[in-house]
N, C-alpha and C. Protein backbone atom coordinates (compact mmCIF):
# COMPACT_ATOMS: atom_id res chain seq x y z
N MET A 1 2.82 24.54 3.78
CA MET A 1 1.75 23.89 3.09
C MET A 1 1.46 24.65 1.82
N CYS A 2 1.14 23.93 0.80
CA CYS A 2 0.89 24.55 -0.50
C CYS A 2 -0.61 24.66 -0.75
N VAL A 3 -1.05 25.84 -1.09
CA VAL A 3 -2.41 26.04 -1.55
C VAL A 3 -2.31 26.74 -2.88
N SER A 4 -3.09 26.30 -3.86
CA SER A 4 -3.00 26.91 -5.17
C SER A 4 -4.26 26.70 -5.97
N LYS A 5 -4.36 27.42 -7.06
CA LYS A 5 -5.44 27.27 -8.02
C LYS A 5 -5.02 26.22 -9.04
N PRO A 6 -6.00 25.50 -9.65
CA PRO A 6 -5.62 24.55 -10.70
C PRO A 6 -5.05 25.30 -11.90
N ASN A 7 -3.96 24.81 -12.47
CA ASN A 7 -3.30 25.49 -13.57
C ASN A 7 -3.38 24.76 -14.89
N LYS A 8 -3.57 23.46 -14.88
CA LYS A 8 -3.53 22.70 -16.11
C LYS A 8 -4.70 21.73 -16.16
N PRO A 9 -5.00 21.19 -17.36
CA PRO A 9 -6.15 20.29 -17.50
C PRO A 9 -6.16 19.13 -16.53
N SER A 10 -5.00 18.56 -16.23
CA SER A 10 -4.97 17.42 -15.30
C SER A 10 -5.41 17.80 -13.90
N ASP A 11 -5.36 19.10 -13.59
CA ASP A 11 -5.80 19.56 -12.27
C ASP A 11 -7.32 19.44 -12.10
N ARG A 12 -8.06 19.29 -13.19
CA ARG A 12 -9.51 19.17 -13.08
C ARG A 12 -9.90 17.93 -12.28
N VAL A 13 -9.17 16.85 -12.47
CA VAL A 13 -9.43 15.64 -11.68
C VAL A 13 -9.20 15.95 -10.21
N ASP A 14 -8.12 16.63 -9.94
CA ASP A 14 -7.82 17.00 -8.57
C ASP A 14 -8.90 17.90 -7.98
N SER A 15 -9.56 18.68 -8.82
CA SER A 15 -10.62 19.57 -8.34
C SER A 15 -11.74 18.79 -7.67
N ALA A 16 -12.11 17.66 -8.24
CA ALA A 16 -13.17 16.84 -7.65
C ALA A 16 -12.74 16.30 -6.29
N VAL A 17 -11.51 15.85 -6.20
CA VAL A 17 -10.99 15.34 -4.92
C VAL A 17 -10.92 16.47 -3.91
N GLN A 18 -10.44 17.63 -4.35
CA GLN A 18 -10.34 18.78 -3.46
C GLN A 18 -11.71 19.18 -2.93
N GLU A 19 -12.72 19.15 -3.79
CA GLU A 19 -14.07 19.53 -3.34
C GLU A 19 -14.59 18.54 -2.32
N ARG A 20 -14.35 17.26 -2.55
CA ARG A 20 -14.78 16.25 -1.57
C ARG A 20 -14.06 16.44 -0.25
N LEU A 21 -12.77 16.71 -0.32
CA LEU A 21 -11.98 16.93 0.88
C LEU A 21 -12.45 18.18 1.61
N ARG A 22 -12.65 19.24 0.87
CA ARG A 22 -13.11 20.51 1.45
C ARG A 22 -14.44 20.31 2.18
N SER A 23 -15.40 19.70 1.51
CA SER A 23 -16.71 19.47 2.11
C SER A 23 -16.63 18.60 3.36
N ALA A 24 -15.83 17.54 3.26
CA ALA A 24 -15.70 16.63 4.40
C ALA A 24 -15.05 17.31 5.59
N LEU A 25 -14.01 18.10 5.35
CA LEU A 25 -13.33 18.78 6.45
C LEU A 25 -14.24 19.81 7.11
N ILE A 26 -14.99 20.55 6.31
CA ILE A 26 -15.92 21.53 6.88
C ILE A 26 -16.96 20.82 7.74
N ASP A 27 -17.55 19.76 7.20
CA ASP A 27 -18.57 19.02 7.93
C ASP A 27 -18.01 18.44 9.22
N PHE A 28 -16.84 17.83 9.14
CA PHE A 28 -16.24 17.21 10.31
C PHE A 28 -15.88 18.27 11.35
N ARG A 29 -15.33 19.39 10.89
CA ARG A 29 -14.97 20.49 11.82
C ARG A 29 -16.21 20.97 12.56
N LYS A 30 -17.30 21.15 11.84
CA LYS A 30 -18.54 21.63 12.47
C LYS A 30 -19.11 20.60 13.43
N ARG A 31 -19.04 19.32 13.05
CA ARG A 31 -19.52 18.27 13.96
C ARG A 31 -18.71 18.22 15.24
N ARG A 32 -17.45 18.59 15.16
CA ARG A 32 -16.58 18.64 16.34
C ARG A 32 -16.77 19.93 17.13
N GLY A 33 -17.57 20.86 16.61
CA GLY A 33 -17.82 22.11 17.30
C GLY A 33 -16.64 23.07 17.29
N LEU A 34 -15.78 22.96 16.27
CA LEU A 34 -14.60 23.82 16.18
C LEU A 34 -14.86 25.01 15.27
N SER A 35 -14.50 26.18 15.74
CA SER A 35 -14.53 27.36 14.88
C SER A 35 -13.33 27.27 13.93
N ARG A 36 -13.35 28.08 12.88
CA ARG A 36 -12.20 28.12 11.98
C ARG A 36 -10.94 28.54 12.75
N THR A 37 -11.10 29.46 13.67
CA THR A 37 -9.96 29.95 14.44
C THR A 37 -9.34 28.83 15.26
N LYS A 38 -10.18 28.08 15.98
CA LYS A 38 -9.68 26.97 16.80
C LYS A 38 -9.07 25.88 15.92
N PHE A 39 -9.73 25.62 14.81
CA PHE A 39 -9.25 24.63 13.87
C PHE A 39 -7.85 25.01 13.36
N ALA A 40 -7.69 26.27 13.00
CA ALA A 40 -6.39 26.76 12.52
C ALA A 40 -5.32 26.63 13.60
N GLU A 41 -5.68 26.99 14.82
CA GLU A 41 -4.73 26.88 15.94
C GLU A 41 -4.28 25.43 16.14
N ARG A 42 -5.24 24.52 16.15
CA ARG A 42 -4.92 23.10 16.36
C ARG A 42 -4.03 22.54 15.26
N ALA A 43 -4.25 23.02 14.03
CA ALA A 43 -3.48 22.52 12.89
C ALA A 43 -2.16 23.26 12.70
N GLY A 44 -1.97 24.34 13.44
CA GLY A 44 -0.76 25.13 13.27
C GLY A 44 -0.73 25.89 11.96
N MET A 45 -1.90 26.33 11.53
CA MET A 45 -2.04 27.06 10.26
C MET A 45 -2.68 28.41 10.53
N SER A 46 -2.61 29.27 9.55
CA SER A 46 -3.23 30.58 9.71
C SER A 46 -4.73 30.47 9.44
N LEU A 47 -5.47 31.36 10.05
CA LEU A 47 -6.91 31.43 9.81
C LEU A 47 -7.16 31.73 8.33
N TRP A 48 -6.33 32.59 7.75
CA TRP A 48 -6.46 32.93 6.33
C TRP A 48 -6.40 31.68 5.47
N MET A 49 -5.44 30.79 5.76
CA MET A 49 -5.27 29.58 4.97
C MET A 49 -6.50 28.67 5.09
N ILE A 50 -7.00 28.51 6.30
CA ILE A 50 -8.19 27.69 6.52
C ILE A 50 -9.38 28.29 5.77
N SER A 51 -9.55 29.59 5.87
CA SER A 51 -10.66 30.27 5.20
C SER A 51 -10.57 30.12 3.68
N MET A 52 -9.39 30.30 3.13
CA MET A 52 -9.22 30.17 1.67
C MET A 52 -9.56 28.76 1.21
N PHE A 53 -9.14 27.77 1.95
CA PHE A 53 -9.44 26.39 1.59
C PHE A 53 -10.93 26.09 1.73
N GLU A 54 -11.52 26.47 2.86
CA GLU A 54 -12.93 26.18 3.08
C GLU A 54 -13.84 26.93 2.11
N ASN A 55 -13.42 28.10 1.67
CA ASN A 55 -14.21 28.87 0.70
C ASN A 55 -14.00 28.38 -0.72
N GLY A 56 -13.09 27.45 -0.92
CA GLY A 56 -12.83 26.92 -2.25
C GLY A 56 -11.95 27.83 -3.10
N ASP A 57 -11.30 28.78 -2.46
CA ASP A 57 -10.44 29.71 -3.20
C ASP A 57 -9.05 29.16 -3.47
N ARG A 58 -8.66 28.12 -2.78
CA ARG A 58 -7.33 27.53 -2.93
C ARG A 58 -7.41 26.02 -2.75
N PHE A 59 -6.49 25.33 -3.41
CA PHE A 59 -6.32 23.90 -3.22
C PHE A 59 -5.42 23.67 -2.02
N MET A 60 -5.52 22.48 -1.44
CA MET A 60 -4.67 22.14 -0.32
C MET A 60 -3.75 21.00 -0.72
N SER A 61 -2.53 21.07 -0.25
CA SER A 61 -1.57 19.99 -0.49
C SER A 61 -1.93 18.78 0.37
N LEU A 62 -1.35 17.66 0.03
CA LEU A 62 -1.54 16.46 0.83
C LEU A 62 -1.03 16.70 2.25
N GLU A 63 0.11 17.35 2.36
CA GLU A 63 0.66 17.67 3.68
C GLU A 63 -0.33 18.50 4.51
N GLY A 64 -0.93 19.49 3.89
CA GLY A 64 -1.90 20.33 4.59
C GLY A 64 -3.13 19.55 5.02
N ALA A 65 -3.62 18.69 4.12
CA ALA A 65 -4.78 17.87 4.46
C ALA A 65 -4.47 16.94 5.62
N LEU A 66 -3.28 16.38 5.62
CA LEU A 66 -2.88 15.49 6.72
C LEU A 66 -2.77 16.26 8.03
N ARG A 67 -2.27 17.48 7.99
CA ARG A 67 -2.18 18.30 9.20
C ARG A 67 -3.57 18.60 9.75
N LEU A 68 -4.51 18.91 8.86
CA LEU A 68 -5.87 19.20 9.32
C LEU A 68 -6.51 17.95 9.91
N CYS A 69 -6.31 16.82 9.27
CA CYS A 69 -6.86 15.57 9.80
C CYS A 69 -6.24 15.25 11.16
N HIS A 70 -4.95 15.47 11.29
CA HIS A 70 -4.28 15.23 12.58
C HIS A 70 -4.88 16.14 13.66
N ALA A 71 -5.18 17.38 13.30
CA ALA A 71 -5.76 18.33 14.26
C ALA A 71 -7.13 17.86 14.75
N MET A 72 -7.83 17.09 13.91
CA MET A 72 -9.16 16.59 14.29
C MET A 72 -9.11 15.14 14.73
N ASP A 73 -7.91 14.56 14.78
CA ASP A 73 -7.73 13.17 15.21
C ASP A 73 -8.53 12.21 14.34
N ILE A 74 -8.38 12.35 13.02
CA ILE A 74 -9.02 11.44 12.08
C ILE A 74 -8.03 11.15 10.96
N LYS A 75 -8.07 9.95 10.44
CA LYS A 75 -7.22 9.57 9.32
C LYS A 75 -7.83 10.12 8.03
N LEU A 76 -6.98 10.54 7.11
CA LEU A 76 -7.46 11.10 5.84
C LEU A 76 -8.33 10.11 5.09
N TRP A 77 -7.92 8.84 5.04
CA TRP A 77 -8.71 7.85 4.31
C TRP A 77 -10.09 7.69 4.93
N LYS A 78 -10.17 7.80 6.25
CA LYS A 78 -11.46 7.67 6.94
C LYS A 78 -12.35 8.85 6.60
N LEU A 79 -11.78 10.03 6.58
CA LEU A 79 -12.54 11.23 6.25
C LEU A 79 -13.12 11.12 4.85
N LEU A 80 -12.32 10.70 3.89
CA LEU A 80 -12.79 10.57 2.52
C LEU A 80 -13.74 9.40 2.36
N LYS A 81 -13.55 8.33 3.12
CA LYS A 81 -14.46 7.19 3.08
C LYS A 81 -15.84 7.62 3.57
N ASP A 82 -15.88 8.42 4.63
CA ASP A 82 -17.15 8.90 5.17
C ASP A 82 -17.93 9.71 4.15
N VAL A 83 -17.25 10.39 3.26
CA VAL A 83 -17.92 11.18 2.24
C VAL A 83 -18.68 10.28 1.29
N GLU A 84 -18.13 9.11 1.01
CA GLU A 84 -18.73 8.19 0.06
C GLU A 84 -19.95 7.48 0.64
N GLU A 85 -20.05 7.36 1.94
CA GLU A 85 -21.13 6.58 2.56
C GLU A 85 -22.40 7.38 2.69
């Protein structure tokens, strides 16, 4: 999974999407009663990676976002739709 900082002006648009995704995943994880450690285990990712993403220190790839959604049994579109409501 790729996590990175924005490097170019076009990444600013992605920043808004990343922030929405980050907030939604944190909220959904907490509503499910999952610790970061359990969340990382379920997604097959390192705790470091989850922490960096949740703290806003790194961007997440689409693949990574899909893995996290799969770990919580929610579709990515549904997670982002819930943010808008």
